[in-house]
């Protein structure tokens, strides 16, 4: 069997772009992060152990690259863009999506990351924990707090960006 892990990367680019936009403040920074992630993945493909699902591995690479960039440059961490919806939104759904996007921008970075990985990308708690380098229980508690805070914001409660319990 002639397995080329690079052939599986293209399928994951939209998910990588969504996660990169969660991590960065601008679309051009997100695009650079995706490119850096794919370059590193190709260079380090010999370290990839599971040919069945490179998505979690790519997310881990992206998270580590971003963390290294933050430490080195201390860039502004900004807004989230939800892109590439599976189907075109109806008028009401588009309005609701804009409300969710605005509410997501009010969340802390750690809450945005958890919501993107688990709720949007559908990763397991274990996969998200491995990507972020935290315990599974921490993922579960952050996710619960992020969902509560998002729900509260969507219901009109006034909370400031990054506020946590």
N, C-alpha and C. Protein backbone atom coordinates (compact mmCIF):
# COMPACT_ATOMS: atom_id res chain seq x y z
N UNK A 1 0.84 -1.18 0.00
CA UNK A 1 0.00 0.00 0.00
C UNK A 1 0.88 1.24 0.00
N UNK A 2 0.69 2.08 -0.97
CA UNK A 2 1.48 3.29 -1.11
C UNK A 2 0.72 4.46 -0.49
N UNK A 3 0.92 4.68 0.80
CA UNK A 3 0.21 5.71 1.57
C UNK A 3 0.98 7.01 1.54
N UNK A 4 0.31 8.07 1.12
CA UNK A 4 0.89 9.41 1.16
C UNK A 4 0.01 10.27 2.05
N UNK A 5 0.52 10.62 3.22
CA UNK A 5 -0.25 11.40 4.17
C UNK A 5 -0.61 12.78 3.60
N UNK A 6 0.23 13.32 2.73
CA UNK A 6 -0.05 14.63 2.13
C UNK A 6 -1.36 14.62 1.35
N UNK A 7 -1.71 13.46 0.77
CA UNK A 7 -2.94 13.37 0.00
C UNK A 7 -4.18 13.59 0.87
N UNK A 8 -4.07 13.33 2.16
CA UNK A 8 -5.21 13.49 3.06
C UNK A 8 -5.31 14.90 3.63
N UNK A 9 -4.30 15.73 3.48
CA UNK A 9 -4.31 17.06 4.08
C UNK A 9 -5.36 17.98 3.47
N UNK A 10 -5.55 17.94 2.16
CA UNK A 10 -6.45 18.87 1.47
C UNK A 10 -7.86 18.82 2.03
N UNK A 11 -8.32 17.66 2.43
CA UNK A 11 -9.66 17.50 2.98
C UNK A 11 -9.83 18.32 4.26
N UNK A 12 -8.75 18.54 5.00
CA UNK A 12 -8.81 19.18 6.30
C UNK A 12 -8.52 20.68 6.27
N UNK A 13 -8.23 21.23 5.10
CA UNK A 13 -7.89 22.65 5.01
C UNK A 13 -9.02 23.56 5.49
N UNK A 14 -10.30 23.34 5.12
CA UNK A 14 -11.36 24.22 5.65
C UNK A 14 -11.43 24.20 7.19
N UNK A 15 -11.27 23.04 7.80
CA UNK A 15 -11.29 22.97 9.27
C UNK A 15 -10.08 23.67 9.85
N UNK A 16 -8.92 23.52 9.21
CA UNK A 16 -7.72 24.22 9.67
C UNK A 16 -7.91 25.73 9.57
N UNK A 17 -8.55 26.19 8.50
CA UNK A 17 -8.79 27.62 8.34
C UNK A 17 -9.72 28.15 9.43
N UNK A 18 -10.76 27.41 9.74
CA UNK A 18 -11.67 27.84 10.81
C UNK A 18 -10.94 27.93 12.15
N UNK A 19 -10.14 26.92 12.46
CA UNK A 19 -9.41 26.92 13.73
C UNK A 19 -8.37 28.03 13.74
N UNK A 20 -7.70 28.25 12.62
CA UNK A 20 -6.69 29.31 12.54
C UNK A 20 -7.33 30.69 12.75
N UNK A 21 -8.53 30.89 12.23
CA UNK A 21 -9.21 32.17 12.42
C UNK A 21 -9.67 32.35 13.86
N UNK A 22 -9.88 31.24 14.55
CA UNK A 22 -10.19 31.31 15.97
C UNK A 22 -8.95 31.74 16.75
N UNK A 23 -7.80 31.30 16.32
CA UNK A 23 -6.55 31.57 17.04
C UNK A 23 -5.97 32.95 16.74
N UNK A 24 -6.25 33.49 15.56
CA UNK A 24 -5.59 34.72 15.14
C UNK A 24 -6.57 35.89 15.04
N UNK A 25 -6.04 37.06 14.76
CA UNK A 25 -6.87 38.26 14.71
C UNK A 25 -7.23 38.70 13.30
N UNK A 26 -6.68 38.08 12.28
CA UNK A 26 -6.92 38.53 10.92
C UNK A 26 -6.86 37.36 9.94
N UNK A 27 -7.66 37.43 8.88
CA UNK A 27 -7.64 36.35 7.89
C UNK A 27 -6.27 36.08 7.28
N UNK A 28 -5.48 37.12 7.05
CA UNK A 28 -4.16 36.89 6.45
C UNK A 28 -3.24 36.17 7.43
N UNK A 29 -3.36 36.47 8.74
CA UNK A 29 -2.58 35.73 9.74
C UNK A 29 -3.03 34.28 9.81
N UNK A 30 -4.33 34.07 9.68
CA UNK A 30 -4.87 32.71 9.69
C UNK A 30 -4.35 31.92 8.49
N UNK A 31 -4.34 32.54 7.32
CA UNK A 31 -3.83 31.87 6.13
C UNK A 31 -2.35 31.50 6.30
N UNK A 32 -1.58 32.41 6.87
CA UNK A 32 -0.16 32.12 7.12
C UNK A 32 -0.01 30.96 8.10
N UNK A 33 -0.86 30.93 9.12
CA UNK A 33 -0.79 29.85 10.11
C UNK A 33 -1.13 28.51 9.47
N UNK A 34 -2.13 28.48 8.60
CA UNK A 34 -2.49 27.24 7.90
C UNK A 34 -1.33 26.78 7.03
N UNK A 35 -0.73 27.71 6.30
CA UNK A 35 0.40 27.35 5.45
C UNK A 35 1.57 26.82 6.28
N UNK A 36 1.89 27.50 7.38
CA UNK A 36 2.97 27.04 8.25
C UNK A 36 2.68 25.65 8.80
N UNK A 37 1.43 25.43 9.16
CA UNK A 37 1.02 24.12 9.69
C UNK A 37 1.21 23.03 8.65
N UNK A 38 0.76 23.28 7.44
CA UNK A 38 0.88 22.27 6.38
C UNK A 38 2.35 22.02 6.02
N UNK A 39 3.14 23.08 5.99
CA UNK A 39 4.57 22.90 5.72
C UNK A 39 5.23 22.02 6.78
N UNK A 40 4.95 22.33 8.05
CA UNK A 40 5.53 21.54 9.14
C UNK A 40 5.04 20.09 9.07
N UNK A 41 3.77 19.90 8.79
CA UNK A 41 3.22 18.54 8.71
C UNK A 41 3.91 17.73 7.61
N UNK A 42 4.15 18.36 6.48
CA UNK A 42 4.82 17.65 5.38
C UNK A 42 6.26 17.33 5.76
N UNK A 43 6.94 18.30 6.39
CA UNK A 43 8.32 18.05 6.82
C UNK A 43 8.40 16.94 7.87
N UNK A 44 7.41 16.87 8.74
CA UNK A 44 7.45 15.92 9.87
C UNK A 44 6.54 14.72 9.64
N UNK A 45 6.17 14.43 8.42
CA UNK A 45 5.23 13.35 8.16
C UNK A 45 5.72 11.99 8.65
N UNK A 46 7.00 11.83 8.81
CA UNK A 46 7.52 10.56 9.32
C UNK A 46 7.10 10.33 10.77
N UNK A 47 6.72 11.39 11.48
CA UNK A 47 6.27 11.26 12.87
C UNK A 47 4.79 10.91 12.99
N UNK A 48 4.06 11.02 11.89
CA UNK A 48 2.63 10.73 11.90
C UNK A 48 2.42 9.23 11.98
N UNK A 49 1.64 8.78 12.96
CA UNK A 49 1.50 7.35 13.22
C UNK A 49 0.18 6.74 12.76
N UNK A 50 -0.87 7.53 12.62
CA UNK A 50 -2.18 6.97 12.30
C UNK A 50 -2.68 7.49 10.96
N UNK A 51 -2.53 6.72 9.89
CA UNK A 51 -2.94 7.20 8.57
C UNK A 51 -4.45 7.39 8.43
N UNK A 52 -5.24 6.92 9.38
CA UNK A 52 -6.69 7.00 9.28
C UNK A 52 -7.22 8.42 9.50
N UNK A 53 -6.60 9.22 10.38
CA UNK A 53 -7.15 10.53 10.71
C UNK A 53 -6.06 11.54 11.03
N UNK A 54 -5.61 12.29 10.03
CA UNK A 54 -4.57 13.28 10.29
C UNK A 54 -5.11 14.59 10.87
N UNK A 55 -6.44 14.76 10.96
CA UNK A 55 -7.02 16.03 11.40
C UNK A 55 -6.54 16.44 12.80
N UNK A 56 -6.65 15.55 13.76
CA UNK A 56 -6.23 15.89 15.13
C UNK A 56 -4.74 16.21 15.16
N UNK A 57 -3.95 15.47 14.40
CA UNK A 57 -2.51 15.72 14.33
C UNK A 57 -2.23 17.11 13.75
N UNK A 58 -2.95 17.49 12.69
CA UNK A 58 -2.78 18.81 12.09
C UNK A 58 -3.19 19.92 13.07
N UNK A 59 -4.30 19.71 13.80
CA UNK A 59 -4.73 20.70 14.79
C UNK A 59 -3.68 20.88 15.88
N UNK A 60 -3.07 19.79 16.30
CA UNK A 60 -2.02 19.87 17.33
C UNK A 60 -0.83 20.67 16.82
N UNK A 61 -0.43 20.42 15.59
CA UNK A 61 0.67 21.18 15.00
C UNK A 61 0.31 22.66 14.95
N UNK A 62 -0.92 22.97 14.50
CA UNK A 62 -1.34 24.37 14.40
C UNK A 62 -1.36 25.03 15.77
N UNK A 63 -1.90 24.35 16.76
CA UNK A 63 -1.96 24.93 18.10
C UNK A 63 -0.56 25.22 18.62
N UNK A 64 0.37 24.29 18.44
CA UNK A 64 1.75 24.49 18.89
C UNK A 64 2.43 25.65 18.15
N UNK A 65 2.21 25.72 16.83
CA UNK A 65 2.78 26.83 16.06
C UNK A 65 2.25 28.17 16.56
N UNK A 66 0.96 28.22 16.78
CA UNK A 66 0.35 29.47 17.24
C UNK A 66 0.88 29.85 18.62
N UNK A 67 0.95 28.89 19.52
CA UNK A 67 1.46 29.16 20.86
C UNK A 67 2.90 29.69 20.77
N UNK A 68 3.72 29.10 19.92
CA UNK A 68 5.10 29.57 19.75
C UNK A 68 5.13 31.00 19.19
N UNK A 69 4.23 31.29 18.25
CA UNK A 69 4.17 32.64 17.68
C UNK A 69 3.74 33.66 18.73
N UNK A 70 2.78 33.29 19.57
CA UNK A 70 2.32 34.19 20.62
C UNK A 70 3.45 34.49 21.58
N UNK A 71 4.18 33.47 21.96
CA UNK A 71 5.30 33.66 22.88
C UNK A 71 6.37 34.55 22.25
N UNK A 72 6.65 34.35 20.97
CA UNK A 72 7.71 35.11 20.30
C UNK A 72 7.29 36.53 19.97
N UNK A 73 6.06 36.72 19.49
CA UNK A 73 5.67 38.03 18.96
C UNK A 73 4.64 38.76 19.81
N UNK A 74 3.91 38.04 20.64
CA UNK A 74 2.82 38.62 21.43
C UNK A 74 1.84 39.40 20.55
N UNK A 75 1.28 38.75 19.48
CA UNK A 75 0.32 39.45 18.63
C UNK A 75 -1.02 39.63 19.32
N UNK A 76 -1.82 40.51 18.77
CA UNK A 76 -3.18 40.72 19.27
C UNK A 76 -4.03 39.51 18.89
N UNK A 77 -4.71 38.93 19.86
CA UNK A 77 -5.59 37.81 19.62
C UNK A 77 -6.98 38.38 19.42
N UNK A 78 -7.61 38.05 18.30
CA UNK A 78 -8.86 38.75 17.99
C UNK A 78 -10.05 37.88 17.69
N UNK A 79 -10.75 38.27 16.70
CA UNK A 79 -12.07 37.74 16.44
C UNK A 79 -12.07 36.38 15.77
N UNK A 80 -13.23 35.80 15.75
CA UNK A 80 -13.47 34.49 15.16
C UNK A 80 -14.29 34.68 13.91
N UNK A 81 -13.96 33.95 12.86
CA UNK A 81 -14.81 33.91 11.68
C UNK A 81 -15.25 32.49 11.48
N UNK A 82 -16.55 32.29 11.41
CA UNK A 82 -17.08 30.97 11.09
C UNK A 82 -17.30 30.97 9.59
N UNK A 83 -16.58 30.10 8.88
CA UNK A 83 -16.63 30.09 7.43
C UNK A 83 -16.99 28.71 6.92
N UNK A 84 -17.26 28.67 5.62
CA UNK A 84 -17.49 27.41 4.94
C UNK A 84 -18.64 26.61 5.54
N UNK A 85 -19.78 27.26 5.71
CA UNK A 85 -20.94 26.54 6.21
C UNK A 85 -21.31 25.46 5.20
N UNK A 86 -21.84 24.36 5.67
CA UNK A 86 -22.15 23.22 4.80
C UNK A 86 -23.21 23.57 3.77
N UNK A 87 -24.17 24.40 4.15
CA UNK A 87 -25.20 24.81 3.20
C UNK A 87 -25.40 26.31 3.34
N UNK A 88 -25.85 26.97 2.26
CA UNK A 88 -26.04 28.41 2.36
C UNK A 88 -27.12 28.74 3.39
N UNK A 89 -26.88 29.72 4.24
CA UNK A 89 -27.85 30.03 5.28
C UNK A 89 -29.08 30.72 4.72
N UNK A 90 -30.21 30.45 5.35
CA UNK A 90 -31.43 31.18 5.03
C UNK A 90 -31.29 32.56 5.65
N UNK A 91 -32.19 33.45 5.36
CA UNK A 91 -32.08 34.81 5.89
C UNK A 91 -32.07 34.82 7.41
N UNK A 92 -32.99 34.11 8.03
CA UNK A 92 -33.03 34.06 9.49
C UNK A 92 -31.78 33.38 10.04
N UNK A 93 -31.37 32.29 9.41
CA UNK A 93 -30.19 31.57 9.87
C UNK A 93 -28.94 32.44 9.74
N UNK A 94 -28.86 33.25 8.70
CA UNK A 94 -27.71 34.14 8.52
C UNK A 94 -27.65 35.16 9.65
N UNK A 95 -28.79 35.68 10.04
CA UNK A 95 -28.85 36.62 11.15
C UNK A 95 -28.42 35.95 12.45
N UNK A 96 -28.89 34.73 12.66
CA UNK A 96 -28.50 33.99 13.86
C UNK A 96 -27.01 33.68 13.86
N UNK A 97 -26.45 33.33 12.70
CA UNK A 97 -25.03 33.07 12.59
C UNK A 97 -24.22 34.31 12.94
N UNK A 98 -24.67 35.47 12.48
CA UNK A 98 -23.98 36.72 12.82
C UNK A 98 -24.04 36.97 14.32
N UNK A 99 -25.17 36.66 14.96
CA UNK A 99 -25.28 36.82 16.41
C UNK A 99 -24.31 35.89 17.14
N UNK A 100 -24.21 34.65 16.66
CA UNK A 100 -23.29 33.69 17.28
C UNK A 100 -21.85 34.16 17.09
N UNK A 101 -21.51 34.63 15.90
CA UNK A 101 -20.15 35.12 15.65
C UNK A 101 -19.82 36.28 16.57
N UNK A 102 -20.75 37.22 16.74
CA UNK A 102 -20.52 38.37 17.62
C UNK A 102 -20.36 37.90 19.07
N UNK A 103 -21.19 36.94 19.48
CA UNK A 103 -21.09 36.41 20.84
C UNK A 103 -19.76 35.68 21.05
N UNK A 104 -19.32 34.92 20.05
CA UNK A 104 -18.05 34.21 20.15
C UNK A 104 -16.89 35.19 20.33
N UNK A 105 -16.97 36.35 19.70
CA UNK A 105 -15.91 37.35 19.83
C UNK A 105 -15.78 37.85 21.26
N UNK A 106 -16.83 37.72 22.04
CA UNK A 106 -16.82 38.19 23.43
C UNK A 106 -16.21 37.16 24.38
N UNK A 107 -16.02 35.94 23.91
CA UNK A 107 -15.47 34.88 24.76
C UNK A 107 -13.96 34.99 24.88
N UNK A 108 -13.43 34.38 25.93
CA UNK A 108 -11.97 34.32 26.08
C UNK A 108 -11.39 33.41 25.00
N UNK A 109 -10.10 33.55 24.75
CA UNK A 109 -9.43 32.74 23.74
C UNK A 109 -9.57 31.24 24.05
N UNK A 110 -9.39 30.85 25.32
CA UNK A 110 -9.48 29.43 25.65
C UNK A 110 -10.88 28.89 25.43
N UNK A 111 -11.90 29.70 25.65
CA UNK A 111 -13.27 29.25 25.41
C UNK A 111 -13.56 29.14 23.91
N UNK A 112 -13.05 30.09 23.13
CA UNK A 112 -13.22 30.01 21.67
C UNK A 112 -12.58 28.74 21.12
N UNK A 113 -11.36 28.45 21.59
CA UNK A 113 -10.65 27.26 21.10
C UNK A 113 -11.42 25.99 21.40
N UNK A 114 -11.90 25.86 22.62
CA UNK A 114 -12.65 24.66 23.02
C UNK A 114 -13.92 24.52 22.18
N UNK A 115 -14.67 25.60 22.03
CA UNK A 115 -15.90 25.53 21.24
C UNK A 115 -15.61 25.16 19.78
N UNK A 116 -14.56 25.74 19.21
CA UNK A 116 -14.23 25.42 17.82
C UNK A 116 -13.84 23.96 17.66
N UNK A 117 -13.01 23.46 18.55
CA UNK A 117 -12.52 22.09 18.41
C UNK A 117 -13.63 21.06 18.67
N UNK A 118 -14.40 21.25 19.72
CA UNK A 118 -15.39 20.24 20.11
C UNK A 118 -16.74 20.47 19.43
N UNK A 119 -17.28 21.68 19.54
CA UNK A 119 -18.62 21.93 19.02
C UNK A 119 -18.66 22.11 17.50
N UNK A 120 -17.68 22.79 16.95
CA UNK A 120 -17.69 23.06 15.50
C UNK A 120 -17.00 21.94 14.72
N UNK A 121 -15.80 21.55 15.15
CA UNK A 121 -15.04 20.55 14.41
C UNK A 121 -15.38 19.12 14.80
N UNK A 122 -16.08 18.93 15.91
CA UNK A 122 -16.55 17.61 16.29
C UNK A 122 -15.48 16.68 16.86
N UNK A 123 -14.40 17.25 17.38
CA UNK A 123 -13.37 16.41 17.98
C UNK A 123 -13.85 15.88 19.33
N UNK A 124 -13.31 14.77 19.72
CA UNK A 124 -13.63 14.22 21.04
C UNK A 124 -12.93 15.04 22.11
N UNK A 125 -13.38 14.89 23.36
CA UNK A 125 -12.72 15.58 24.47
C UNK A 125 -11.25 15.17 24.55
N UNK A 126 -11.00 13.91 24.34
CA UNK A 126 -9.62 13.40 24.41
C UNK A 126 -8.75 14.04 23.33
N UNK A 127 -9.27 14.12 22.10
CA UNK A 127 -8.51 14.74 21.01
C UNK A 127 -8.25 16.22 21.30
N UNK A 128 -9.28 16.93 21.76
CA UNK A 128 -9.12 18.34 22.08
C UNK A 128 -8.09 18.53 23.20
N UNK A 129 -8.13 17.65 24.19
CA UNK A 129 -7.17 17.73 25.30
C UNK A 129 -5.75 17.54 24.79
N UNK A 130 -5.55 16.59 23.89
CA UNK A 130 -4.23 16.35 23.34
C UNK A 130 -3.75 17.54 22.51
N UNK A 131 -4.64 18.12 21.73
CA UNK A 131 -4.28 19.26 20.88
C UNK A 131 -3.86 20.45 21.73
N UNK A 132 -4.63 20.72 22.79
CA UNK A 132 -4.38 21.90 23.62
C UNK A 132 -3.38 21.64 24.74
N UNK A 133 -3.01 20.39 24.94
CA UNK A 133 -2.05 20.05 25.98
C UNK A 133 -2.61 20.21 27.39
N UNK A 134 -3.89 19.86 27.54
CA UNK A 134 -4.55 19.96 28.84
C UNK A 134 -5.24 18.63 29.15
N UNK A 135 -5.75 18.50 30.36
CA UNK A 135 -6.44 17.28 30.77
C UNK A 135 -7.85 17.23 30.17
N UNK A 136 -8.36 16.01 29.98
CA UNK A 136 -9.71 15.82 29.45
C UNK A 136 -10.74 16.51 30.34
N UNK A 137 -10.58 16.43 31.65
CA UNK A 137 -11.51 17.08 32.57
C UNK A 137 -11.51 18.59 32.41
N UNK A 138 -10.35 19.15 32.10
CA UNK A 138 -10.24 20.59 31.87
C UNK A 138 -11.01 20.97 30.61
N UNK A 139 -10.92 20.13 29.58
CA UNK A 139 -11.68 20.37 28.35
C UNK A 139 -13.17 20.38 28.67
N UNK A 140 -13.61 19.40 29.44
CA UNK A 140 -15.03 19.30 29.77
C UNK A 140 -15.51 20.51 30.56
N UNK A 141 -14.73 20.95 31.54
CA UNK A 141 -15.18 22.09 32.34
C UNK A 141 -15.12 23.39 31.54
N UNK A 142 -14.08 23.57 30.73
CA UNK A 142 -14.00 24.78 29.90
C UNK A 142 -15.14 24.81 28.89
N UNK A 143 -15.44 23.65 28.32
CA UNK A 143 -16.53 23.59 27.35
C UNK A 143 -17.86 23.95 28.01
N UNK A 144 -18.10 23.43 29.20
CA UNK A 144 -19.34 23.75 29.91
C UNK A 144 -19.42 25.24 30.20
N UNK A 145 -18.32 25.82 30.68
CA UNK A 145 -18.30 27.26 30.98
C UNK A 145 -18.46 28.08 29.70
N UNK A 146 -17.81 27.65 28.62
CA UNK A 146 -17.91 28.37 27.35
C UNK A 146 -19.34 28.33 26.82
N UNK A 147 -19.98 27.18 26.89
CA UNK A 147 -21.37 27.08 26.44
C UNK A 147 -22.29 27.93 27.30
N UNK A 148 -22.09 27.90 28.62
CA UNK A 148 -22.90 28.72 29.52
C UNK A 148 -22.72 30.20 29.21
N UNK A 149 -21.48 30.62 29.03
CA UNK A 149 -21.21 32.02 28.75
C UNK A 149 -21.79 32.43 27.39
N UNK A 150 -21.64 31.57 26.38
CA UNK A 150 -22.19 31.86 25.06
C UNK A 150 -23.71 31.97 25.14
N UNK A 151 -24.33 31.03 25.84
CA UNK A 151 -25.79 31.05 26.02
C UNK A 151 -26.22 32.33 26.73
N UNK A 152 -25.49 32.72 27.75
CA UNK A 152 -25.81 33.94 28.50
C UNK A 152 -25.70 35.18 27.60
N UNK A 153 -24.66 35.24 26.81
CA UNK A 153 -24.49 36.37 25.89
C UNK A 153 -25.61 36.39 24.86
N UNK A 154 -25.94 35.24 24.32
CA UNK A 154 -27.00 35.14 23.31
C UNK A 154 -28.36 35.53 23.89
N UNK A 155 -28.55 35.32 25.20
CA UNK A 155 -29.80 35.69 25.86
C UNK A 155 -29.84 37.16 26.25
N UNK A 156 -28.77 37.89 25.96
CA UNK A 156 -28.76 39.32 26.20
C UNK A 156 -28.11 39.75 27.49
N UNK A 157 -27.58 38.84 28.28
CA UNK A 157 -26.88 39.22 29.49
C UNK A 157 -25.59 39.95 29.09
N UNK A 158 -25.25 40.99 29.79
CA UNK A 158 -24.04 41.75 29.49
C UNK A 158 -22.85 41.14 30.20
N UNK A 159 -21.90 40.65 29.44
CA UNK A 159 -20.65 40.15 29.99
C UNK A 159 -19.51 40.70 29.18
N UNK A 160 -18.39 40.87 29.80
CA UNK A 160 -17.24 41.44 29.10
C UNK A 160 -16.42 40.33 28.48
N UNK A 161 -15.64 40.70 27.49
CA UNK A 161 -14.76 39.75 26.80
C UNK A 161 -13.79 39.11 27.77
N UNK A 162 -13.71 37.78 27.68
CA UNK A 162 -12.73 37.06 28.48
C UNK A 162 -13.16 36.81 29.90
N UNK A 163 -14.35 37.22 30.27
CA UNK A 163 -14.79 37.01 31.65
C UNK A 163 -15.01 35.52 31.90
N UNK A 164 -14.48 35.00 32.95
CA UNK A 164 -14.65 33.60 33.31
C UNK A 164 -15.11 33.50 34.74
N UNK A 165 -15.63 32.35 35.08
CA UNK A 165 -16.07 32.10 36.45
C UNK A 165 -14.93 31.69 37.30
